[in-house]
Protein backbone atom coordinates (compact mmCIF):
# COMPACT_ATOMS: atom_id res chain seq x y z
CA MET A 1 -13.40 14.84 -11.99
CA SER A 2 -10.79 12.63 -10.28
CA ALA A 3 -11.33 9.07 -9.19
CA PRO A 4 -12.44 8.66 -5.18
CA PHE A 5 -9.17 8.25 -3.09
CA VAL A 6 -8.33 7.91 0.49
CA GLY A 7 -5.53 9.61 1.46
CA VAL A 8 -4.38 13.13 1.72
CA PRO A 9 -4.77 15.42 -1.07
CA PRO A 10 -2.16 16.65 -2.89
CA PRO A 11 -0.81 19.98 -1.84
CA ARG A 12 -1.02 23.02 -4.25
CA ARG A 13 2.98 22.82 -4.23
CA ARG A 14 5.34 19.32 -4.38
CA PRO A 15 6.74 19.59 -0.59
CA ARG A 16 10.31 18.45 0.19
CA ALA A 17 10.68 15.03 0.83
CA SER A 18 13.82 13.95 2.51
CA ARG A 19 17.14 15.67 3.61
CA ASP A 20 19.00 12.48 1.56
CA ALA A 21 19.32 13.91 -1.79
CA ARG A 22 19.24 10.57 -3.10
CA ILE A 23 15.78 9.97 -1.87
CA GLU A 24 14.98 13.44 -2.84
CA ALA A 25 16.02 13.29 -6.28
CA ILE A 26 13.54 9.75 -6.43
CA TRP A 27 10.85 11.91 -5.29
CA ARG A 28 11.21 14.90 -7.39
CA THR A 29 11.89 12.84 -10.41
CA LEU A 30 8.95 10.82 -10.25
CA HIS A 31 7.00 13.17 -8.71
CA GLY A 32 6.78 15.09 -11.72
CA ARG A 33 6.46 12.07 -13.88
CA TYR A 34 3.37 10.09 -12.52
CA GLY A 35 2.44 12.47 -9.63
CA PRO A 36 0.66 12.98 -7.98
CA ARG A 37 -1.06 9.60 -7.78
CA ARG A 38 -4.38 10.07 -5.31
CA TRP A 39 -3.72 6.75 -3.51
CA TRP A 40 -4.97 4.85 -1.97
CA PRO A 41 -8.53 4.10 -5.04
CA ALA A 42 -11.50 3.51 -2.15
CA GLU A 43 -14.48 5.37 -1.65
CA SER A 44 -14.03 4.81 2.40
CA PRO A 45 -11.24 3.45 4.63
CA PHE A 46 -13.03 0.28 5.14
CA GLU A 47 -13.01 0.10 1.42
CA VAL A 48 -9.03 0.07 1.83
CA ILE A 49 -8.98 -2.48 4.51
CA VAL A 50 -11.04 -4.50 2.02
CA GLY A 51 -8.33 -3.71 -0.83
CA ALA A 52 -5.16 -4.43 1.23
CA ILE A 53 -6.73 -7.78 1.97
CA LEU A 54 -7.65 -8.41 -1.91
CA THR A 55 -4.64 -7.73 -3.75
CA GLN A 56 -2.43 -10.23 -1.66
CA ASN A 57 -0.86 -12.07 -4.79
CA THR A 58 -2.92 -10.38 -7.79
CA ALA A 59 -2.63 -7.68 -10.03
CA TRP A 60 -5.19 -4.20 -8.95
CA ARG A 61 -7.29 -4.78 -11.93
CA ASN A 62 -8.47 -7.94 -10.37
CA VAL A 63 -8.93 -6.62 -6.77
CA GLU A 64 -11.42 -3.58 -8.09
CA ARG A 65 -13.57 -6.50 -10.22
CA ALA A 66 -14.04 -7.98 -6.68
CA ILE A 67 -14.62 -5.02 -4.68
CA GLY A 68 -17.29 -4.02 -7.85
CA ASN A 69 -18.97 -7.00 -6.92
CA LEU A 70 -18.75 -6.06 -3.37
CA ARG A 71 -20.35 -2.67 -4.11
CA ARG A 72 -22.60 -3.66 -6.10
CA ALA A 73 -24.16 -6.48 -3.63
CA ARG A 74 -24.31 -3.60 -1.04
CA ALA A 75 -21.40 -5.84 1.20
CA LEU A 76 -19.16 -2.94 1.74
CA SER A 77 -19.78 -2.34 5.48
CA PRO A 78 -18.03 -4.95 7.82
CA ALA A 79 -21.66 -5.89 9.28
CA ALA A 80 -22.17 -6.82 5.32
CA VAL A 81 -19.09 -8.54 4.97
CA LEU A 82 -19.53 -10.58 8.79
CA GLY A 83 -23.15 -11.28 8.37
CA MET A 84 -22.87 -12.95 4.81
CA ARG A 85 -22.52 -16.39 4.06
CA ALA A 86 -19.37 -17.80 2.80
CA ASP A 87 -20.20 -19.31 -0.14
CA ARG A 88 -21.45 -16.40 -1.65
CA LEU A 89 -18.65 -14.15 -0.07
CA GLN A 90 -16.32 -16.56 -2.07
CA ARG A 91 -18.17 -15.56 -4.98
CA LEU A 92 -17.73 -11.88 -4.95
CA LEU A 93 -14.23 -12.07 -4.69
CA ARG A 94 -13.50 -14.61 -7.07
CA PRO A 95 -11.89 -12.26 -9.46
CA SER A 96 -9.66 -11.93 -6.90
CA GLY A 97 -8.15 -15.43 -7.22
CA TYR A 98 -7.65 -17.75 -4.03
CA PHE A 99 -10.91 -16.52 -3.47
CA ARG A 100 -11.42 -19.13 -0.67
CA LEU A 101 -8.89 -18.29 1.30
CA LYS A 102 -9.72 -14.47 0.49
CA ALA A 103 -13.11 -15.11 2.34
CA ARG A 104 -11.32 -16.44 5.17
CA ARG A 105 -8.91 -13.70 5.69
CA LEU A 106 -10.76 -10.90 4.94
CA ARG A 107 -13.26 -12.26 7.35
CA GLU A 108 -10.49 -12.59 10.18
CA ALA A 109 -9.25 -8.90 9.33
CA VAL A 110 -13.02 -7.37 9.39
CA GLY A 111 -13.47 -9.31 12.79
CA TRP A 112 -10.77 -8.02 14.18
CA PHE A 113 -11.51 -4.08 13.08
CA GLU A 114 -15.27 -5.13 14.46
CA ASP A 115 -13.94 -6.58 17.86
CA ARG A 116 -11.09 -4.50 18.68
CA PHE A 117 -12.34 -1.19 17.81
CA GLY A 118 -16.11 -1.56 17.24
CA SER A 119 -15.64 -0.99 13.01
CA ARG A 120 -14.30 2.64 13.98
CA ILE A 121 -11.33 3.84 12.05
CA GLY A 122 -10.94 6.98 14.44
CA SER A 123 -10.28 4.17 17.38
CA LEU A 124 -7.88 2.67 15.22
CA ALA A 125 -6.67 5.88 14.21
CA ARG A 126 -6.08 6.58 17.88
CA GLU A 127 -4.71 3.26 19.33
CA PRO A 128 -1.03 3.87 20.02
CA PHE A 129 0.85 2.88 16.61
CA ALA A 130 3.11 -0.11 17.69
CA ARG A 131 0.20 -1.73 19.76
CA ALA A 132 -2.21 -1.38 16.92
CA ARG A 133 0.43 -2.65 14.72
CA ARG A 134 1.55 -5.12 16.32
CA SER A 135 -2.39 -6.39 17.15
CA LEU A 136 -2.63 -6.29 13.12
CA LEU A 137 0.10 -8.79 12.40
CA GLY A 138 -1.09 -11.19 14.90
CA VAL A 139 -4.56 -11.46 12.40
CA ARG A 140 -4.16 -14.27 10.56
CA GLY A 141 -3.13 -14.02 6.99
CA VAL A 142 -1.90 -9.86 7.60
CA GLY A 143 1.59 -9.61 7.00
CA PRO A 144 3.65 -6.65 7.42
CA GLU A 145 2.81 -5.01 4.08
CA THR A 146 -0.66 -5.24 4.21
CA ALA A 147 -0.66 -4.12 8.09
CA ASP A 148 1.08 -1.00 6.81
CA SER A 149 -1.18 -0.52 3.74
CA ILE A 150 -4.05 -0.23 6.55
CA LEU A 151 -2.80 1.65 8.89
CA ASN A 152 -0.87 4.20 6.28
CA TYR A 153 -3.65 4.96 4.20
CA ALA A 154 -6.80 3.77 6.03
CA ALA A 155 -6.26 4.97 9.40
CA GLY A 156 -3.71 7.84 8.28
CA ARG A 157 -0.70 6.85 10.18
CA ARG A 158 2.60 7.29 9.90
CA THR A 159 4.03 4.52 8.51
CA PHE A 160 6.02 3.41 5.20
CA VAL A 161 4.88 0.49 2.90
CA ALA A 162 8.36 -1.27 2.05
CA ASP A 163 6.35 -3.15 -0.98
CA LEU A 164 8.40 -5.56 -3.73
CA TYR A 165 8.70 -2.36 -5.84
CA SER A 166 10.24 -0.09 -3.28
CA ARG A 167 12.85 -2.76 -2.40
CA ARG A 168 13.82 -2.72 -5.60
CA VAL A 169 13.96 0.34 -6.38
CA ALA A 170 16.42 0.95 -3.36
CA VAL A 171 18.63 -1.94 -3.96
CA ARG A 172 19.07 -1.29 -7.44
CA HIS A 173 19.95 1.93 -6.70
CA GLY A 174 22.39 1.53 -3.85
CA LEU A 175 20.12 2.75 -1.31
CA LEU A 176 20.19 -0.43 0.03
CA PRO A 177 22.19 -3.67 0.15
CA ARG A 178 21.16 -6.90 -1.23
CA GLY A 179 18.69 -8.63 0.21
CA ALA A 180 17.27 -6.01 2.09
CA ASP A 181 13.75 -7.00 3.68
CA TYR A 182 10.53 -5.82 4.20
CA GLU A 183 11.35 -4.36 8.04
CA THR A 184 15.05 -3.14 6.98
CA THR A 185 13.22 -1.25 3.95
CA ARG A 186 10.37 0.52 5.79
CA THR A 187 12.96 1.52 8.79
CA PHE A 188 15.32 3.09 6.23
CA PHE A 189 12.81 5.25 4.47
CA LEU A 190 10.65 6.12 7.85
CA ASP A 191 13.94 7.31 9.32
CA ARG A 192 14.80 9.73 6.08
CA LEU A 193 11.46 11.02 5.15
CA ARG A 194 9.72 14.02 6.72
CA LYS A 195 7.21 13.65 9.30
CA ASP A 196 4.76 14.26 6.43
CA LEU A 197 1.44 11.59 5.88
CA TYR A 198 1.65 13.14 2.08
CA VAL A 199 5.44 12.10 1.49
CA THR A 200 5.11 8.49 2.78
CA GLN A 201 2.14 7.94 1.45
CA GLU A 202 2.46 9.52 -2.11
CA LEU A 203 6.11 8.21 -2.66
CA HIS A 204 4.93 4.48 -1.72
CA ALA A 205 2.60 5.23 -4.26
CA LEU A 206 5.29 6.41 -6.97
CA LEU A 207 7.39 3.57 -6.79
CA VAL A 208 4.30 1.68 -7.06
CA ALA A 209 4.15 3.48 -10.79
CA VAL A 210 7.52 3.42 -11.54
CA GLY A 211 8.09 -0.75 -10.40
CA ASN A 212 5.22 -1.29 -12.53
CA ARG A 213 6.63 0.05 -15.57
CA HIS A 214 10.22 -0.84 -15.12
CA CYS A 215 11.00 -1.89 -11.98
CA ARG A 216 10.36 -5.85 -12.65
CA ALA A 217 11.51 -8.74 -11.66
CA ARG A 218 13.76 -8.12 -15.21
CA PRO A 219 14.21 -4.29 -14.83
CA ARG A 220 13.24 -2.30 -18.05
CA CYS A 221 15.70 1.07 -17.88
CA GLN A 222 14.94 2.31 -21.21
CA ASP A 223 12.94 5.06 -20.79
CA CYS A 224 12.59 4.87 -16.85
CA PRO A 225 12.71 8.15 -15.35
CA LEU A 226 14.93 6.99 -12.42
CA GLU A 227 17.81 5.44 -14.84
CA PRO A 228 19.70 8.63 -15.04
CA LEU A 229 19.83 7.99 -11.27
CA LEU A 230 21.08 5.07 -11.35
CA PRO A 231 24.69 4.01 -10.27
CA PRO A 232 27.98 3.60 -13.16
CA GLY A 233 27.11 0.84 -14.58
CA GLY A 234 23.47 0.48 -14.53
CA PRO A 235 21.22 -1.34 -11.85
CA LEU A 236 22.73 -3.00 -8.58
CA PRO A 237 21.65 -7.08 -8.56
CA PHE A 238 18.72 -6.99 -6.18
């Protein structure tokens, strides 16, 4: 039995991702090697929100430990997070690192979710996208990657999580110029991907998978499934 996840269930057949031949080749190659990823690993949309905050500046395994603490404490709900004493929340979040800061940031994000949407994910899903994203980016400690993770996975909104792995792959393969920033990368993929929520979620997860294994600060191209798709001469400078 597969682990629970919040996202679009994979279709029986892999869909086409893009009319851009370069993106389609990356999609097919990664999906064939790693997919489907069944991402975001969580039991509820609220758990996605929690994970998106806690994953800042740490490995996912540390997030899983902190979420496990919250689950055992029966604290994976907006009411529990907002009603808990600060020192107890900090102890539960300790495995995720920067636990005092993350406790404050989590409370602020959950407070925003409660105050603006009554902690109803359906209300966030129906809010005009630009307004919802702008409001979420106004929450202290929520940057574009965190906001798009929440919107894409928890709320099922079409956006693209242009994280560091996505930017490295795009630049090293010549899809984007060196130094391309978050918004440039997000827009690049959104303009070229099919309007299919499964595709935006799955491609992000696949790029994380290959990035974790190969497209690191120093690229490990040997045995990387994308190595045959690199420009002549190898990966371009990031």
